[in-house]
Protein backbone atom coordinates (compact mmCIF):
# COMPACT_ATOMS: atom_id res chain seq x y z
CA MET A 1 17.04 -81.82 128.03
CA SER A 2 18.15 -82.39 124.41
CA ASP A 3 16.23 -84.71 121.11
CA VAL A 4 17.73 -86.25 118.13
CA HIS A 5 15.88 -86.40 114.86
CA THR A 6 16.28 -88.02 112.24
CA ASP A 7 14.26 -89.92 109.23
CA THR A 8 13.54 -93.46 108.43
CA HIS A 9 16.82 -93.02 106.30
CA ASP A 10 19.47 -95.87 107.16
CA ALA A 11 22.11 -94.73 109.31
CA GLN A 12 24.80 -94.52 106.48
CA SER A 13 22.84 -91.62 104.54
CA GLN A 14 22.07 -90.08 107.76
CA THR A 15 25.82 -89.45 108.64
CA GLN A 16 26.03 -87.87 105.52
CA LYS A 17 23.80 -85.36 106.56
CA PRO A 18 24.51 -81.76 108.13
CA LEU A 19 24.09 -81.52 111.66
CA VAL A 20 22.20 -78.54 112.77
CA LEU A 21 21.68 -78.13 116.22
CA VAL A 22 18.38 -76.08 117.46
CA VAL A 23 19.02 -74.45 120.70
CA GLU A 24 15.35 -73.38 121.63
CA ASP A 25 13.24 -73.48 124.62
CA GLU A 26 9.43 -73.01 123.13
CA PRO A 27 8.75 -77.23 122.30
CA LYS A 28 6.44 -76.28 119.49
CA ILE A 29 8.81 -73.68 117.59
CA ALA A 30 11.48 -76.31 118.37
CA SER A 31 9.39 -79.28 117.08
CA LEU A 32 8.07 -77.12 113.76
CA LEU A 33 12.26 -76.52 113.07
CA CYS A 34 13.17 -79.89 113.96
CA ASP A 35 10.55 -81.57 111.44
CA TYR A 36 11.20 -78.86 108.07
CA LEU A 37 14.71 -79.28 108.33
CA ASN A 38 14.98 -82.99 108.62
CA GLY A 39 12.47 -83.10 105.80
CA SER A 40 14.73 -80.52 103.88
CA GLY A 41 17.87 -83.17 103.85
CA TYR A 42 19.18 -82.07 107.47
CA LEU A 43 19.59 -83.93 110.53
CA THR A 44 18.78 -81.94 114.22
CA ARG A 45 19.72 -82.20 117.49
CA HIS A 46 17.47 -80.03 119.73
CA ILE A 47 18.56 -78.81 123.52
CA ASP A 48 16.15 -76.17 125.39
CA ASP A 49 18.93 -75.04 127.46
CA GLY A 50 21.70 -73.14 127.32
CA ASN A 51 23.55 -74.83 129.93
CA ALA A 52 23.89 -77.65 127.74
CA VAL A 53 25.06 -76.33 124.49
CA ILE A 54 28.72 -76.04 124.76
CA ALA A 55 29.34 -79.74 125.67
CA ALA A 56 27.02 -80.52 122.81
CA VAL A 57 28.75 -78.61 120.05
CA ARG A 58 32.10 -80.11 121.23
CA GLU A 59 30.11 -83.68 121.07
CA GLU A 60 28.54 -83.47 117.80
CA THR A 61 30.18 -80.75 115.81
CA PRO A 62 27.58 -79.47 114.04
CA ALA A 63 27.48 -78.26 110.71
CA LEU A 64 25.41 -74.88 111.97
CA VAL A 65 24.32 -73.81 115.20
CA LEU A 66 20.47 -72.31 115.18
CA LEU A 67 20.14 -70.46 118.63
CA ASP A 68 17.79 -68.75 120.53
CA LEU A 69 18.38 -65.24 122.34
CA MET A 70 16.28 -66.04 125.02
CA LEU A 71 17.15 -69.42 126.96
CA PRO A 72 17.04 -71.01 130.62
CA GLY A 73 20.43 -71.09 132.07
CA THR A 74 23.03 -69.52 129.31
CA ASP A 75 21.54 -66.49 127.40
CA GLY A 76 22.18 -66.69 123.50
CA LEU A 77 24.42 -63.65 123.12
CA THR A 78 26.74 -65.12 125.80
CA LEU A 79 26.72 -68.49 124.04
CA CYS A 80 27.55 -67.16 121.09
CA ARG A 81 30.51 -65.08 122.45
CA GLN A 82 31.22 -68.48 124.06
CA LEU A 83 31.33 -70.65 120.91
CA ARG A 84 33.33 -67.85 118.31
CA ALA A 85 36.04 -68.03 121.27
CA GLU A 86 36.02 -71.85 120.75
CA ASN A 87 35.56 -71.73 117.06
CA SER A 88 35.68 -69.15 115.07
CA LEU A 89 34.52 -70.84 111.97
CA LEU A 90 31.09 -72.41 113.14
CA PRO A 91 28.34 -71.14 111.81
CA ILE A 92 25.54 -69.38 113.98
CA ILE A 93 22.12 -68.10 113.42
CA MET A 94 20.50 -66.46 116.18
CA LEU A 95 16.64 -66.41 116.29
CA THR A 96 15.07 -63.89 118.69
CA ALA A 97 11.74 -62.24 119.56
CA ARG A 98 13.85 -58.97 120.40
CA VAL A 99 14.07 -57.02 116.98
CA GLU A 100 15.46 -53.73 117.96
CA GLU A 101 18.56 -52.76 115.81
CA VAL A 102 20.97 -52.51 119.09
CA ASP A 103 20.59 -56.30 119.86
CA ARG A 104 20.77 -57.10 116.15
CA LEU A 105 24.02 -55.13 116.14
CA LEU A 106 25.35 -56.92 119.26
CA GLY A 107 24.52 -60.38 117.77
CA LEU A 108 26.35 -59.53 114.54
CA GLU A 109 29.42 -58.20 116.56
CA LEU A 110 29.58 -61.23 119.15
CA GLY A 111 30.03 -63.37 115.88
CA ALA A 112 26.23 -64.10 114.39
CA ASP A 113 26.30 -64.76 110.68
CA ASP A 114 22.89 -64.10 110.27
CA TYR A 115 20.15 -63.35 112.68
CA ILE A 116 16.53 -63.99 112.68
CA CYS A 117 13.41 -62.53 113.89
CA LYS A 118 10.01 -64.08 115.53
CA PRO A 119 7.45 -64.79 113.91
CA PHE A 120 9.30 -66.59 111.22
CA SER A 121 8.39 -68.76 108.41
CA PRO A 122 10.12 -72.11 109.00
CA ARG A 123 10.73 -71.81 104.99
CA GLU A 124 12.60 -69.03 105.37
CA VAL A 125 14.90 -70.42 108.40
CA VAL A 126 15.86 -73.65 106.07
CA ALA A 127 16.59 -71.13 102.94
CA ARG A 128 18.63 -68.82 105.18
CA ILE A 129 20.76 -71.74 106.78
CA LYS A 130 21.54 -73.03 103.31
CA ALA A 131 22.81 -69.64 102.66
CA VAL A 132 25.10 -69.39 105.72
CA LEU A 133 26.15 -72.89 104.86
CA ARG A 134 27.20 -71.86 101.12
CA ARG A 135 29.05 -69.13 102.31
CA SER A 136 30.93 -71.26 105.24
CA GLN A 137 31.62 -73.88 102.10
CA ALA A 138 32.66 -71.24 100.03
CA LEU A 139 36.32 -70.86 101.25
CA ASP A 140 37.07 -74.32 101.06
CA GLN A 141 36.14 -74.11 97.53
CA THR A 142 38.32 -71.32 96.64
CA LEU A 143 41.26 -72.33 98.08
CA SER A 144 40.82 -75.33 96.71
CA ASP A 145 41.04 -74.37 93.09
CA THR A 146 43.92 -72.37 92.32
CA SER A 147 43.86 -73.09 88.19
CA ASP A 148 41.19 -70.44 87.11
CA LYS A 149 40.93 -66.94 87.20
CA GLY A 150 39.41 -65.12 90.08
CA GLN A 151 40.94 -67.06 92.68
CA LEU A 152 42.24 -65.82 95.77
CA ARG A 153 44.44 -67.92 98.24
CA LEU A 154 46.76 -67.73 101.07
CA ASN A 155 50.18 -69.22 101.72
CA GLU A 156 50.90 -69.06 105.00
CA ASP A 157 53.98 -70.59 105.33
CA GLY A 158 55.45 -67.46 103.36
CA TRP A 159 52.41 -64.78 104.47
CA GLN A 160 51.28 -64.39 100.93
CA ALA A 161 48.41 -63.70 99.19
CA LEU A 162 47.94 -64.50 95.78
CA ALA A 163 45.06 -63.21 93.51
CA ASP A 164 45.40 -64.98 89.80
CA ASP A 165 48.91 -66.00 91.46
CA GLN A 166 50.17 -63.01 91.82
CA ASP A 167 51.67 -61.92 95.01
CA LEU A 168 49.37 -58.83 96.61
CA GLY A 169 52.96 -57.71 98.79
CA LEU A 170 50.42 -57.37 102.07
CA THR A 171 52.69 -56.25 105.00
CA ALA A 172 52.21 -58.82 108.48
CA VAL A 173 49.13 -57.39 109.36
CA GLU A 174 47.07 -56.89 106.39
CA PHE A 175 48.19 -60.51 105.86
CA GLN A 176 46.60 -61.09 109.05
CA LEU A 177 43.21 -58.75 108.27
CA LEU A 178 42.67 -60.72 105.27
CA LYS A 179 43.39 -63.92 106.45
CA VAL A 180 40.77 -63.80 109.67
CA MET A 181 38.09 -62.24 107.34
CA MET A 182 38.61 -65.35 104.57
CA GLN A 183 37.98 -67.64 107.35
CA SER A 184 34.21 -66.55 107.91
CA PRO A 185 33.49 -65.50 104.51
CA GLY A 186 30.25 -63.18 104.65
CA ARG A 187 30.72 -62.72 108.60
CA ILE A 188 30.63 -59.22 109.40
CA PHE A 189 33.78 -58.22 111.63
CA SER A 190 33.82 -55.01 114.01
CA ARG A 191 36.76 -53.11 114.01
CA ASP A 192 36.95 -53.65 117.68
CA GLN A 193 36.91 -57.73 117.03
CA LEU A 194 39.57 -56.63 114.06
CA MET A 195 42.12 -55.02 116.20
CA ASP A 196 42.69 -58.46 118.49
CA HIS A 197 43.31 -60.35 115.18
CA MET A 198 45.37 -57.26 114.16
CA TYR A 199 47.98 -56.92 117.40
CA ARG A 200 47.83 -59.76 119.94
CA ASP A 201 49.41 -57.75 122.31
CA HIS A 202 46.15 -55.94 123.09
CA ARG A 203 48.02 -52.45 122.20
CA ILE A 204 45.52 -49.41 122.36
CA VAL A 205 44.99 -48.24 118.96
CA SER A 206 42.17 -46.37 117.09
CA GLU A 207 39.28 -47.16 114.97
CA ARG A 208 41.17 -45.41 112.13
CA THR A 209 43.88 -47.52 112.55
CA VAL A 210 41.45 -50.75 110.77
CA ASP A 211 40.13 -48.07 108.48
CA SER A 212 43.84 -47.46 107.27
CA HIS A 213 44.34 -51.03 107.10
CA ILE A 214 41.45 -51.88 105.71
CA LYS A 215 42.11 -49.02 102.65
CA LYS A 216 45.54 -50.29 102.03
CA LEU A 217 44.38 -53.85 101.34
CA ARG A 218 41.62 -52.67 99.24
CA ARG A 219 44.13 -50.40 97.05
CA LYS A 220 46.41 -54.15 96.74
CA ILE A 221 43.61 -56.15 95.81
CA ALA A 222 42.32 -53.88 93.58
CA SER A 223 45.61 -53.16 91.92
CA ILE A 224 44.55 -56.78 90.27
CA TRP A 225 41.35 -57.10 90.67
CA PRO A 226 40.18 -53.31 89.24
CA GLU A 227 36.55 -54.33 88.99
CA ARG A 228 35.98 -56.17 92.44
CA ASP A 229 35.64 -55.32 95.49
CA VAL A 230 35.97 -58.60 97.90
CA ILE A 231 35.96 -56.56 101.50
CA ARG A 232 32.62 -54.64 102.02
CA SER A 233 32.22 -52.15 104.48
CA ILE A 234 29.08 -52.49 106.55
CA TYR A 235 28.15 -49.19 107.70
CA ALA A 236 28.60 -48.60 111.61
CA VAL A 237 29.73 -51.92 112.25
CA GLY A 238 32.43 -52.85 110.32
CA TYR A 239 33.47 -55.34 107.29
CA LYS A 240 32.97 -58.35 105.83
CA PHE A 241 35.09 -60.52 102.61
CA GLU A 242 32.22 -61.76 100.11
CA PRO A 243 33.88 -64.70 98.40
CA ASP A 244 30.97 -64.85 95.80
CA VAL A 245 32.59 -61.84 93.79
CA LEU A 246 35.66 -64.60 93.03
CA GLU A 247 32.92 -66.52 90.99
């Protein structure tokens, strides 16, 4: 079952608003979230069955998915994995009443952009959605403006990464690592996920191999931007690209 919630604005103005897919099986929570999101300038579609999510994402192409962990049908972690496999750039925020650290890390390793534990304030959810959407749009804004100082852009045809129009001289593996992280700014990647992108032939390498490539990549970026650290280490989890430091 699903419901589309809109306000009374005309159809043209509604189509310009970002759509948030609210996947939550508790009606009161779903209704509250949809009301707050509609009041904050978003369109919403509510789905209460995990089995209906993939088709809805393909049909609606939402700006963000707000995904409950415990759902009838397909559970939230499985859905997160499936959504990431289809669209690595789709922002996903997970909702859950399970606060154990292992669940937090598992959710992030599967590709969630953020994690909110119940009970929560609807205003907090709206604020976190705005923050995730800002991060997801930061890459396009960075790549679209190459005239100002502080810009990092990729030339995929030439396998080049340019910092302030200076070639970083990356190897193919380093270029691929940077590309993957820049496509999802703010998202935490585990070492296993990065290895999958580095070596498509699924060869067996150690986690230290990832750390070594990241170290070399950071060194090359620092040669042009010595005071910037755009690739951040997340202790015991992995790495993420932080575009905000480019501003």
